[in-house]
Protein backbone atom coordinates (compact mmCIF):
# COMPACT_ATOMS: atom_id res chain seq x y z
CA UNK A 1 5.61 15.67 -9.04
CA UNK A 2 5.86 12.82 -6.56
CA UNK A 3 8.04 9.76 -6.98
CA UNK A 4 7.28 6.61 -5.05
CA UNK A 5 9.66 3.72 -4.42
CA UNK A 6 8.44 0.52 -2.76
CA UNK A 7 10.61 -1.97 -0.94
CA UNK A 8 10.28 -4.86 1.47
CA UNK A 9 8.70 -7.50 -0.71
CA UNK A 10 9.92 -11.08 -0.80
CA UNK A 11 9.13 -14.72 -0.23
CA UNK A 12 7.51 -15.75 3.03
CA UNK A 13 5.74 -18.83 4.34
CA UNK A 14 2.04 -18.79 5.08
CA UNK A 15 1.39 -17.29 8.47
CA UNK A 16 4.47 -15.12 8.27
CA UNK A 17 4.90 -11.35 8.19
CA UNK A 18 6.39 -8.71 5.96
CA UNK A 19 6.59 -4.94 6.12
CA UNK A 20 6.43 -2.99 2.90
CA UNK A 21 7.77 0.53 2.71
CA UNK A 22 7.04 3.27 0.22
CA UNK A 23 9.43 6.21 0.17
CA UNK A 24 8.03 9.38 -1.38
CA UNK A 25 9.88 12.34 -2.80
CA UNK A 26 8.59 15.89 -2.59
CA UNK A 27 7.92 18.38 0.20
CA UNK A 28 4.14 17.94 0.27
CA UNK A 29 3.95 14.29 1.26
CA UNK A 30 1.82 15.07 4.29
CA UNK A 31 -0.92 16.51 2.08
CA UNK A 32 -1.35 13.31 0.05
CA UNK A 33 -3.59 10.43 0.88
CA UNK A 34 -1.66 7.22 0.38
CA UNK A 35 -2.85 3.83 -0.71
CA UNK A 36 -1.64 0.29 -1.25
CA UNK A 37 -2.97 -1.85 -4.08
CA UNK A 38 -2.03 -5.27 -5.36
CA UNK A 39 -2.24 -7.08 -8.66
CA UNK A 40 -1.82 -10.58 -10.03
CA UNK A 41 -1.64 -11.59 -13.70
CA UNK A 42 -5.19 -12.91 -13.58
CA UNK A 43 -6.90 -10.07 -11.69
CA UNK A 44 -7.30 -6.34 -11.97
CA UNK A 45 -5.39 -4.13 -9.56
CA UNK A 46 -7.27 -4.19 -6.28
CA UNK A 47 -7.43 -1.95 -3.26
CA UNK A 48 -5.66 -3.12 -0.11
CA UNK A 49 -5.46 -0.18 2.29
CA UNK A 50 -5.32 3.59 2.45
CA UNK A 51 -4.58 6.37 4.89
CA UNK A 52 -6.05 9.84 4.60
CA UNK A 53 -3.96 12.99 4.58
CA UNK A 54 -6.31 14.81 6.92
CA UNK A 55 -6.83 13.01 10.19
CA UNK A 56 -4.93 9.87 9.22
CA UNK A 57 -8.01 7.69 9.07
CA UNK A 58 -7.31 4.25 7.65
CA UNK A 59 -9.35 1.94 5.45
CA UNK A 60 -8.86 -1.70 4.52
CA UNK A 61 -10.18 -4.23 2.09
CA UNK A 62 -12.24 -6.88 3.84
CA UNK A 63 -9.75 -9.54 2.74
CA UNK A 64 -6.91 -7.99 4.75
CA UNK A 65 -8.76 -6.39 7.64
CA UNK A 66 -7.29 -7.45 10.96
CA UNK A 67 -4.08 -8.74 9.32
CA UNK A 68 -2.61 -5.67 7.58
CA UNK A 69 -1.87 -2.24 9.01
CA UNK A 70 -1.11 0.91 7.03
CA UNK A 71 0.79 3.76 8.64
CA UNK A 72 2.79 6.78 7.63
CA UNK A 73 5.84 8.59 8.97
CA UNK A 74 5.63 12.15 7.74
CA UNK A 75 9.13 13.00 8.96
CA UNK A 76 10.53 10.21 6.77
CA UNK A 77 8.12 10.74 3.86
CA UNK A 78 7.32 7.05 4.07
CA UNK A 79 4.18 4.96 4.20
CA UNK A 80 4.23 1.37 5.47
CA UNK A 81 2.13 -1.70 5.08
CA UNK A 82 2.64 -4.17 7.90
CA UNK A 83 1.35 -7.56 6.80
CA UNK A 84 0.88 -10.46 9.15
CA UNK A 85 -0.94 -13.76 8.98
CA UNK A 86 -0.03 -13.91 5.31
CA UNK A 87 -1.89 -16.34 3.08
CA UNK A 88 -0.99 -17.74 -0.34
CA UNK A 89 -3.81 -15.65 -1.81
CA UNK A 90 -1.93 -12.52 -0.70
CA UNK A 91 0.67 -13.30 -3.36
CA UNK A 92 0.80 -10.33 -5.75
CA UNK A 93 2.77 -7.31 -6.84
CA UNK A 94 2.06 -4.58 -4.32
CA UNK A 95 1.93 -0.95 -5.40
CA UNK A 96 1.80 2.21 -3.36
CA UNK A 97 0.02 5.25 -4.69
CA UNK A 98 -0.46 8.92 -3.82
CA UNK A 99 -3.66 10.92 -4.10
CA UNK A 100 -3.10 14.67 -4.11
CA UNK A 101 -6.78 15.43 -3.56
CA UNK A 102 -7.33 13.16 -0.54
CA UNK A 103 -10.53 12.13 -2.26
CA UNK A 104 -13.39 9.95 -1.11
CA UNK A 105 -12.64 7.44 -3.88
CA UNK A 106 -9.75 5.92 -1.98
CA UNK A 107 -10.53 2.36 -3.06
CA UNK A 108 -10.38 3.22 -6.76
CA UNK A 109 -7.23 3.39 -8.85
CA UNK A 110 -8.42 6.48 -10.72
CA UNK A 111 -8.24 8.53 -7.51
CA UNK A 112 -4.45 8.23 -7.37
CA UNK A 113 -2.11 10.49 -9.28
CA UNK A 114 1.20 8.76 -8.71
CA UNK A 115 2.27 5.12 -8.52
CA UNK A 116 5.36 3.24 -7.53
CA UNK A 117 6.96 0.51 -9.59
CA UNK A 118 5.67 -2.31 -7.39
CA UNK A 119 7.25 -4.92 -5.17
CA UNK A 120 6.60 -8.66 -5.37
CA UNK A 121 5.18 -10.51 -2.38
CA UNK A 122 5.06 -14.30 -2.61
CA UNK A 123 3.48 -16.40 0.11
CA UNK A 124 4.19 -20.12 -0.01
CA UNK A 125 1.85 -22.71 1.47
């Protein structure tokens, strides 16, 4: 069982930056692929970024590529999402998720076994 706790959300002006953190419990964190998703009341939960367990390769949605960076600190059992150049359309609840199979379906919610409670990010124009 893995528990995930996000933090770092808040209110920021357009063009600003935020860093989200996701602290994971459990001794096998390094074997999980980790992902960030976001959701608004009028859209389904969408993929933002992921980092593989094996090799640490990263993937990004086209909408955030070049602005967001996902990383992980295995010693701290934490995954980060550094967000810069924020836009009002980035406003959403951001969720981190863990995939125990490090699957190829990293953009899909069904690939992830565990989810955090979410943290709100609001970008004002």
